[in-house]
Amino acid sequence: MTLRLRLTILLFTLVGLCRADMAPSQDLLPTNTLAVLSIPEVSAAKLAWLASNPGRLWQDPAMAAFRNQFENSVRQKWLTVLERESGLELRELLDLTRGQATLAVFPPLPAEPGSEDSGANWLLLLDTRTGSAALSKALDAARARVGTNTPATAKTREIGDLRFTTVTLDLQMTAAAGAKSPGAPGEALEDEDLRWELCYGQVGSAFVAGPSWAAISNALPRLTATNASPGLGSKASFGRLWNSTLKDRLVWSYVDVASLYERFSPRLEGVFGMLSLLGADPAKVVPATGLTSIKAVGGGVQFTTNGWTTELAIEVPAAERAGLTRLMEILPMEAGLLEGVPEGVASFQRWRIDGPGGWKALEASLQRISPQLSDLVRMHHCRIGRAGV
């Protein structure tokens, strides 16, 4: 191998190791992602927030007293115990974050032997871009702080050059501090299990956290680019929403509603069990509302010269729309300015819906849920109509 070729290979290797940004979240996350909230570039989002009217109001000196009181309240109630138990300095982590900040939720992990519930499964990514060294220093300091806890609550695992720490967050003290004195007559603190696990570490330039080592280990192949299988971006419902609503947004979110309903539908029957007294079948309530026809929901936030713009897209196939999703359907009719709207109006929105068609869709939904309930609503509607006449 010639010297020039060796130098070329070394150069490309160094470029790969020093890559400023992680891959986009839609490439890092798997196709079974249930929900995700992402800020693709935190530094740009911060600048946009500071330049916006709400951001300027929040930073105004006149708001200092309220702002300080609010921040101190949040810190005392939630952040102090989290920082003490984990060793992390949350403000330092946020200040280091320059690239993406992504929180994703996945299907529950398989239940451990002897456990009735499946393990939670989520992932938090905070990309520091060029702050890898500072992040490593911050995490070493966090491990040193939590290492002094008695009894020991931290466990460290290493895979190659990667090191992750699992800590147990004991939130019972926070609950006790916020409750009334247990010594008062007739008052006692409930014995609730408020101990959570948190596993955190560093992959490249990013801070990575999850609810357990199992959750982290499942995500590592994609984070370290050793898993070449298609990511969330290849999912059909996500792709459609990405092109229409999520792409190039300062903040975006995506929810796979169809998968969530598939997992939680057995529990919904118990929620609507009382409707059986009206002759309704609890298993038909949600399908009759049309909510089961919602495949996915996506939202994006963008900052423009005119202010913040928020978009929400709900993916519902036209052939499956019924009940509430039929009511939300926008008619393809003229929706321009109405007569009498002043020329100097800053913004204008017009949403045209089919009222009679929507009422028919609602009646059809009630008929599917309970014929008796549908008859009651129809009779009440007729009485209102006669009274109006």
Protein backbone atom coordinates (compact mmCIF):
# COMPACT_ATOMS: atom_id res chain seq x y z
CA MET A 1 0.00 0.00 0.00
CA THR A 2 1.49 3.35 -1.00
CA LEU A 3 2.00 6.18 1.47
CA ARG A 4 -0.50 8.39 -0.39
CA LEU A 5 -3.21 5.73 -0.15
CA ARG A 6 -2.56 5.23 3.56
CA LEU A 7 -2.80 8.94 4.22
CA THR A 8 -6.06 9.10 2.24
CA ILE A 9 -7.59 6.27 4.28
CA LEU A 10 -6.42 7.90 7.52
CA LEU A 11 -7.92 11.23 6.47
CA PHE A 12 -11.34 9.73 5.71
CA THR A 13 -11.24 7.82 9.00
CA LEU A 14 -10.55 10.99 10.98
CA VAL A 15 -13.31 12.84 9.13
CA GLY A 16 -15.75 10.07 10.06
CA LEU A 17 -14.69 10.12 13.72
CA CYS A 18 -14.94 13.91 13.93
CA ARG A 19 -18.36 14.16 12.29
CA ALA A 20 -20.04 17.18 13.82
CA ASP A 21 -23.62 15.93 13.76
CA MET A 22 -25.31 12.63 14.40
CA ALA A 23 -27.51 11.19 11.69
CA PRO A 24 -31.03 12.69 11.52
CA SER A 25 -33.45 11.19 14.03
CA GLN A 26 -35.54 9.58 11.28
CA ASP A 27 -32.47 7.51 10.36
CA LEU A 28 -31.42 6.72 13.93
CA LEU A 29 -34.84 5.53 15.09
CA PRO A 30 -36.33 2.13 14.13
CA THR A 31 -39.53 1.62 12.16
CA ASN A 32 -41.44 0.50 15.27
CA THR A 33 -41.13 3.95 16.87
CA LEU A 34 -44.48 4.84 18.44
CA ALA A 35 -43.91 8.55 19.03
CA VAL A 36 -41.10 11.05 18.64
CA LEU A 37 -40.50 14.71 19.46
CA SER A 38 -37.46 16.23 17.80
CA ILE A 39 -35.64 19.55 17.54
CA PRO A 40 -33.25 19.00 14.61
CA GLU A 41 -31.00 21.95 15.52
CA VAL A 42 -31.24 23.24 19.07
CA SER A 43 -28.95 26.21 18.45
CA ALA A 44 -31.21 27.48 15.65
CA ALA A 45 -34.34 26.86 17.73
CA LYS A 46 -32.88 28.85 20.63
CA LEU A 47 -32.13 31.83 18.37
CA ALA A 48 -35.63 31.68 16.88
CA TRP A 49 -37.16 31.56 20.35
CA LEU A 50 -35.16 34.56 21.56
CA ALA A 51 -36.19 36.54 18.46
CA SER A 52 -39.89 35.67 18.82
CA ASN A 53 -42.42 37.76 20.73
CA PRO A 54 -42.98 35.11 23.46
CA GLY A 55 -39.21 34.71 23.86
CA ARG A 56 -38.64 38.44 24.10
CA LEU A 57 -41.44 38.72 26.65
CA TRP A 58 -39.97 35.92 28.75
CA GLN A 59 -36.51 37.56 28.72
CA ASP A 60 -37.83 41.05 29.44
CA PRO A 61 -36.48 42.56 32.69
CA ALA A 62 -40.06 43.20 33.81
CA MET A 63 -40.60 39.42 33.86
CA ALA A 64 -37.49 38.74 35.97
CA ALA A 65 -39.31 38.23 39.29
CA PHE A 66 -41.93 35.89 37.85
CA ARG A 67 -39.34 34.06 35.72
CA ASN A 68 -37.01 33.48 38.66
CA GLN A 69 -39.84 32.31 40.91
CA PHE A 70 -41.10 29.88 38.26
CA GLU A 71 -37.65 28.47 37.52
CA ASN A 72 -36.82 28.09 41.23
CA SER A 73 -40.13 26.33 41.85
CA VAL A 74 -39.53 23.83 39.06
CA ARG A 75 -35.96 23.24 40.22
CA GLN A 76 -36.90 22.67 43.84
CA LYS A 77 -39.83 20.39 43.08
CA TRP A 78 -38.42 18.27 40.27
CA LEU A 79 -34.86 18.97 39.20
CA THR A 80 -33.02 18.99 42.52
CA VAL A 81 -33.78 15.38 43.38
CA LEU A 82 -33.16 14.27 39.78
CA GLU A 83 -29.74 15.92 39.73
CA ARG A 84 -28.84 14.57 43.18
CA GLU A 85 -29.82 10.99 42.38
CA SER A 86 -28.31 10.92 38.86
CA GLY A 87 -25.28 13.16 39.42
CA LEU A 88 -26.10 15.06 36.22
CA GLU A 89 -26.10 18.84 35.88
CA LEU A 90 -29.12 19.39 33.64
CA ARG A 91 -28.32 23.04 32.88
CA GLU A 92 -24.85 22.03 31.73
CA LEU A 93 -26.25 19.35 29.42
CA LEU A 94 -28.72 21.78 27.86
CA ASP A 95 -26.00 24.39 27.37
CA LEU A 96 -23.81 21.83 25.60
CA THR A 97 -26.57 20.72 23.24
CA ARG A 98 -26.11 22.29 19.80
CA GLY A 99 -27.42 19.69 17.37
CA GLN A 100 -30.56 17.63 17.64
CA ALA A 101 -32.59 16.96 20.78
CA THR A 102 -34.83 13.94 20.28
CA LEU A 103 -37.14 12.00 22.59
CA ALA A 104 -38.62 8.79 21.19
CA VAL A 105 -40.96 6.13 22.61
CA PHE A 106 -40.96 2.51 21.47
CA PRO A 107 -43.04 -0.61 22.22
CA PRO A 108 -42.49 -1.91 25.76
CA LEU A 109 -39.60 -4.27 26.35
CA PRO A 110 -40.36 -7.90 27.17
CA ALA A 111 -41.24 -8.34 30.82
CA GLU A 112 -38.44 -9.57 33.04
CA PRO A 113 -38.89 -12.92 34.81
CA GLY A 114 -41.13 -12.44 37.82
CA SER A 115 -42.39 -9.05 36.65
CA GLU A 116 -46.00 -8.44 35.62
CA ASP A 117 -45.36 -5.27 33.61
CA SER A 118 -43.27 -4.81 30.51
CA GLY A 119 -40.34 -2.49 30.80
CA ALA A 120 -40.64 1.10 29.61
CA ASN A 121 -38.77 1.79 26.40
CA TRP A 122 -37.74 5.31 25.43
CA LEU A 123 -34.63 7.11 24.27
CA LEU A 124 -33.31 10.66 24.73
CA LEU A 125 -30.60 12.07 22.43
CA LEU A 126 -28.84 15.40 23.02
CA ASP A 127 -26.20 16.09 20.38
CA THR A 128 -23.38 18.46 21.38
CA ARG A 129 -21.84 18.45 17.88
CA THR A 130 -18.26 19.57 18.63
CA GLY A 131 -18.63 19.29 22.40
CA SER A 132 -17.62 15.64 22.81
CA ALA A 133 -14.73 16.43 25.15
CA ALA A 134 -16.84 18.73 27.33
CA LEU A 135 -19.61 16.13 27.46
CA SER A 136 -17.16 13.40 28.53
CA LYS A 137 -15.88 15.66 31.29
CA ALA A 138 -19.42 16.42 32.45
CA LEU A 139 -20.37 12.73 32.57
CA ASP A 140 -17.18 11.81 34.46
CA ALA A 141 -18.07 14.46 37.04
CA ALA A 142 -21.62 13.08 37.25
CA ARG A 143 -20.32 9.55 37.88
CA ALA A 144 -17.98 10.87 40.56
CA ARG A 145 -20.85 12.63 42.33
CA VAL A 146 -23.22 9.68 42.23
CA GLY A 147 -20.41 7.34 43.26
CA THR A 148 -20.41 8.88 46.72
CA ASN A 149 -24.03 7.89 47.39
CA THR A 150 -24.62 5.54 50.29
CA PRO A 151 -25.80 2.91 49.69
CA ALA A 152 -24.33 2.68 46.20
CA THR A 153 -26.98 3.16 43.52
CA ALA A 154 -24.86 3.35 40.36
CA LYS A 155 -23.78 0.51 38.07
CA THR A 156 -21.45 0.98 35.12
CA ARG A 157 -21.29 -1.10 31.94
CA GLU A 158 -18.72 -0.79 29.18
CA ILE A 159 -18.86 -1.90 25.55
CA GLY A 160 -15.61 -1.10 23.84
CA ASP A 161 -15.00 2.62 24.37
CA LEU A 162 -18.62 3.25 25.37
CA ARG A 163 -19.48 3.54 29.05
CA PHE A 164 -23.01 3.72 30.46
CA THR A 165 -24.13 4.29 34.02
CA THR A 166 -27.42 3.06 35.49
CA VAL A 167 -28.73 4.85 38.57
CA THR A 168 -31.85 4.42 40.68
CA LEU A 169 -33.83 7.62 41.14
CA ASP A 170 -35.53 7.64 44.53
CA LEU A 171 -38.34 10.18 44.15
CA GLN A 172 -40.10 9.31 47.41
CA MET A 173 -38.39 12.17 49.24
CA THR A 174 -39.77 14.64 46.71
CA ALA A 175 -43.29 13.31 47.20
CA ALA A 176 -42.91 13.53 50.95
CA ALA A 177 -41.64 17.10 50.78
CA GLY A 178 -44.65 18.17 48.70
CA ALA A 179 -47.16 16.44 50.94
CA LYS A 180 -48.58 17.56 54.24
CA SER A 181 -46.92 16.56 57.46
CA PRO A 182 -47.58 12.86 58.13
CA GLY A 183 -47.78 13.61 61.83
CA ALA A 184 -51.07 15.47 61.47
CA PRO A 185 -54.16 13.57 62.70
CA GLY A 186 -55.71 11.41 60.02
CA GLU A 187 -52.97 12.14 57.52
CA ALA A 188 -50.33 9.75 56.22
CA LEU A 189 -48.15 9.49 53.20
CA GLU A 190 -49.10 6.76 50.80
CA ASP A 191 -46.44 4.09 50.36
CA GLU A 192 -45.97 4.41 46.62
CA ASP A 193 -43.11 2.98 44.59
CA LEU A 194 -41.42 6.08 43.21
CA ARG A 195 -38.08 4.49 42.33
CA TRP A 196 -37.13 4.72 38.66
CA GLU A 197 -34.06 3.63 36.80
CA LEU A 198 -32.09 5.88 34.46
CA CYS A 199 -29.28 4.71 32.21
CA TYR A 200 -27.08 7.33 30.54
CA GLY A 201 -23.83 7.63 28.65
CA GLN A 202 -22.19 9.04 25.53
CA VAL A 203 -22.11 7.91 21.91
CA GLY A 204 -19.90 10.09 19.75
CA SER A 205 -20.93 13.68 20.37
CA ALA A 206 -24.32 12.83 21.88
CA PHE A 207 -25.65 12.32 25.38
CA VAL A 208 -27.87 9.22 25.35
CA ALA A 209 -30.33 8.24 28.08
CA GLY A 210 -33.02 5.61 28.55
CA PRO A 211 -35.02 3.87 31.29
CA SER A 212 -32.70 0.85 31.53
CA TRP A 213 -29.61 -0.79 30.14
CA ALA A 214 -31.83 -3.08 28.06
CA ALA A 215 -33.42 -0.07 26.35
CA ILE A 216 -30.00 1.47 25.64
CA SER A 217 -28.50 -1.77 24.31
CA ASN A 218 -31.41 -2.13 21.87
CA ALA A 219 -30.69 1.34 20.47
CA LEU A 220 -26.89 1.10 20.29
CA PRO A 221 -26.64 -0.74 16.93
CA ARG A 222 -28.41 2.12 15.16
CA LEU A 223 -26.59 4.83 17.12
CA THR A 224 -23.20 3.33 16.27
CA ALA A 225 -24.16 2.72 12.61
CA THR A 226 -23.75 -1.06 12.95
CA ASN A 227 -27.40 -1.68 12.03
CA ALA A 228 -28.09 -0.93 8.38
CA SER A 229 -31.80 -1.85 8.42
CA PRO A 230 -34.24 0.86 7.25
CA GLY A 231 -35.14 3.45 9.87
CA LEU A 232 -38.24 5.43 10.70
CA GLY A 233 -37.79 7.50 7.53
CA SER A 234 -38.68 4.45 5.43
CA LYS A 235 -42.08 4.04 7.11
CA ALA A 236 -44.88 4.94 4.69
CA SER A 237 -47.01 6.99 7.09
CA PHE A 238 -43.99 8.87 8.40
CA GLY A 239 -42.71 9.56 4.89
CA ARG A 240 -45.98 11.16 3.82
CA LEU A 241 -46.13 13.37 6.90
CA TRP A 242 -42.44 14.23 6.58
CA ASN A 243 -42.85 15.58 3.07
CA SER A 244 -46.03 17.52 3.87
CA THR A 245 -45.58 18.77 7.43
CA LEU A 246 -42.36 17.81 9.24
CA LYS A 247 -39.48 18.55 6.88
CA ASP A 248 -37.38 21.69 7.55
CA ARG A 249 -39.26 22.49 10.77
CA LEU A 250 -37.60 23.85 13.91
CA VAL A 251 -39.59 21.37 15.99
CA TRP A 252 -41.59 18.38 14.81
CA SER A 253 -43.43 15.43 16.31
CA TYR A 254 -44.88 12.19 15.00
CA VAL A 255 -47.27 9.66 16.57
CA ASP A 256 -48.07 6.24 15.11
CA VAL A 257 -51.69 6.23 16.25
CA ALA A 258 -52.56 2.93 14.56
CA SER A 259 -49.85 1.03 16.46
CA LEU A 260 -50.76 2.71 19.74
CA TYR A 261 -54.42 1.76 19.33
CA GLU A 262 -53.48 -1.82 18.53
CA ARG A 263 -51.59 -2.04 21.82
CA PHE A 264 -54.06 -0.23 24.06
CA SER A 265 -57.42 -1.27 22.55
CA PRO A 266 -57.96 -4.15 25.02
CA ARG A 267 -57.77 -1.67 27.91
CA LEU A 268 -60.21 0.76 26.29
CA GLU A 269 -63.06 -1.72 26.60
CA GLY A 270 -62.82 -1.44 30.37
CA VAL A 271 -62.87 2.37 30.17
CA PHE A 272 -66.17 2.36 28.27
CA GLY A 273 -67.67 -0.52 30.23
CA MET A 274 -70.33 1.70 31.84
CA LEU A 275 -71.91 2.29 28.42
CA SER A 276 -73.17 -1.29 28.52
CA LEU A 277 -75.95 0.05 30.77
CA LEU A 278 -77.24 1.91 27.70
CA GLY A 279 -77.18 -1.21 25.56
CA ALA A 280 -73.81 -0.30 24.02
CA ASP A 281 -71.05 -2.72 23.16
CA PRO A 282 -67.85 -1.28 24.74
CA ALA A 283 -65.76 -2.94 22.04
CA LYS A 284 -67.55 -0.90 19.35
CA VAL A 285 -67.29 2.53 20.97
CA VAL A 286 -63.88 3.62 19.70
CA PRO A 287 -64.29 2.14 16.18
CA ALA A 288 -67.69 3.85 15.89
CA THR A 289 -66.17 7.25 16.66
CA GLY A 290 -63.89 6.86 13.65
CA LEU A 291 -60.75 7.34 15.73
CA THR A 292 -59.47 3.92 14.67
CA SER A 293 -59.23 5.22 11.11
CA ILE A 294 -56.48 7.65 12.17
CA LYS A 295 -53.20 6.11 11.06
CA ALA A 296 -50.73 8.77 12.20
CA VAL A 297 -50.49 12.35 13.42
CA GLY A 298 -47.67 14.78 12.73
CA GLY A 299 -47.02 18.36 13.75
CA GLY A 300 -44.37 20.93 12.95
CA VAL A 301 -43.40 24.38 14.22
CA GLN A 302 -41.61 26.94 12.08
CA PHE A 303 -40.48 30.49 12.72
CA THR A 304 -41.04 33.07 10.00
CA THR A 305 -40.80 36.84 9.72
CA ASN A 306 -44.52 36.96 10.58
CA GLY A 307 -44.12 34.87 13.74
CA TRP A 308 -44.59 31.23 14.66
CA THR A 309 -46.40 28.88 12.30
CA THR A 310 -47.79 25.59 13.60
CA GLU A 311 -49.07 22.80 11.36
CA LEU A 312 -50.94 19.66 12.35
CA ALA A 313 -51.62 16.83 9.93
CA ILE A 314 -53.90 13.87 10.67
CA GLU A 315 -53.62 10.95 8.27
CA VAL A 316 -57.02 9.32 7.72
CA PRO A 317 -57.81 7.40 4.52
CA ALA A 318 -60.88 8.93 2.84
CA ALA A 319 -62.65 5.58 2.57
CA GLU A 320 -62.37 4.95 6.34
CA ARG A 321 -63.55 8.33 7.63
CA ALA A 322 -66.50 8.09 10.01
CA GLY A 323 -67.78 9.75 13.15
CA LEU A 324 -65.36 12.39 14.44
CA THR A 325 -62.95 12.02 11.54
CA ARG A 326 -65.86 12.63 9.19
CA LEU A 327 -66.70 15.81 11.12
CA MET A 328 -63.09 17.04 10.79
CA GLU A 329 -63.08 16.60 7.03
CA ILE A 330 -62.46 19.88 5.20
CA LEU A 331 -64.63 20.43 2.15
CA PRO A 332 -62.87 21.24 -1.15
CA MET A 333 -64.81 24.50 -1.53
CA GLU A 334 -63.90 28.14 -1.94
CA ALA A 335 -62.53 29.46 1.36
CA GLY A 336 -61.42 32.99 0.54
CA LEU A 337 -62.14 36.20 2.36
CA LEU A 338 -65.72 36.84 3.36
CA GLU A 339 -67.45 40.13 2.73
CA GLY A 340 -66.92 42.57 5.56
CA VAL A 341 -63.39 41.38 6.51
CA PRO A 342 -61.20 44.53 6.77
CA GLU A 343 -58.30 44.88 4.33
CA GLY A 344 -55.81 45.48 7.14
CA VAL A 345 -56.49 42.20 8.96
CA ALA A 346 -53.21 40.51 9.93
CA SER A 347 -54.34 36.92 9.31
CA PHE A 348 -57.47 35.09 8.23
CA GLN A 349 -58.56 31.45 8.43
CA ARG A 350 -61.67 29.81 7.09
CA TRP A 351 -62.56 26.17 7.66
CA ARG A 352 -65.61 24.89 5.82
CA ILE A 353 -67.28 21.72 7.05
CA ASP A 354 -70.38 19.86 5.97
CA GLY A 355 -72.76 20.37 8.91
CA PRO A 356 -75.64 18.12 7.72
CA GLY A 357 -73.20 15.47 6.57
CA GLY A 358 -71.37 15.63 9.87
CA TRP A 359 -74.61 15.20 11.83
CA LYS A 360 -75.49 12.16 9.76
CA ALA A 361 -72.04 10.71 10.44
CA LEU A 362 -72.53 11.31 14.16
CA GLU A 363 -75.92 9.60 14.12
CA ALA A 364 -74.42 6.65 12.28
CA SER A 365 -71.70 6.37 14.93
CA LEU A 366 -74.25 6.42 17.75
CA GLN A 367 -76.29 3.78 15.93
CA ARG A 368 -73.25 1.50 15.83
CA ILE A 369 -72.52 2.09 19.51
CA SER A 370 -76.07 1.78 20.84
CA PRO A 371 -79.38 1.92 18.93
CA GLN A 372 -81.13 3.05 22.14
CA LEU A 373 -78.72 5.97 22.61
CA SER A 374 -79.11 6.90 18.96
CA ASP A 375 -82.91 6.99 19.31
CA LEU A 376 -82.66 9.25 22.37
CA VAL A 377 -80.40 11.70 20.58
CA ARG A 378 -82.61 11.71 17.48
CA MET A 379 -85.74 12.40 19.58
CA HIS A 380 -83.97 15.23 21.43
CA HIS A 381 -82.81 16.70 18.12
CA CYS A 382 -86.36 16.62 16.75
CA ARG A 383 -87.69 18.42 19.86
CA ILE A 384 -85.06 21.15 19.50
CA GLY A 385 -85.99 21.53 15.85
CA ARG A 386 -89.70 21.92 16.64
CA ALA A 387 -88.93 24.41 19.43
CA GLY A 388 -86.83 26.45 17.01
CA VAL A 389 -89.67 26.54 14.51
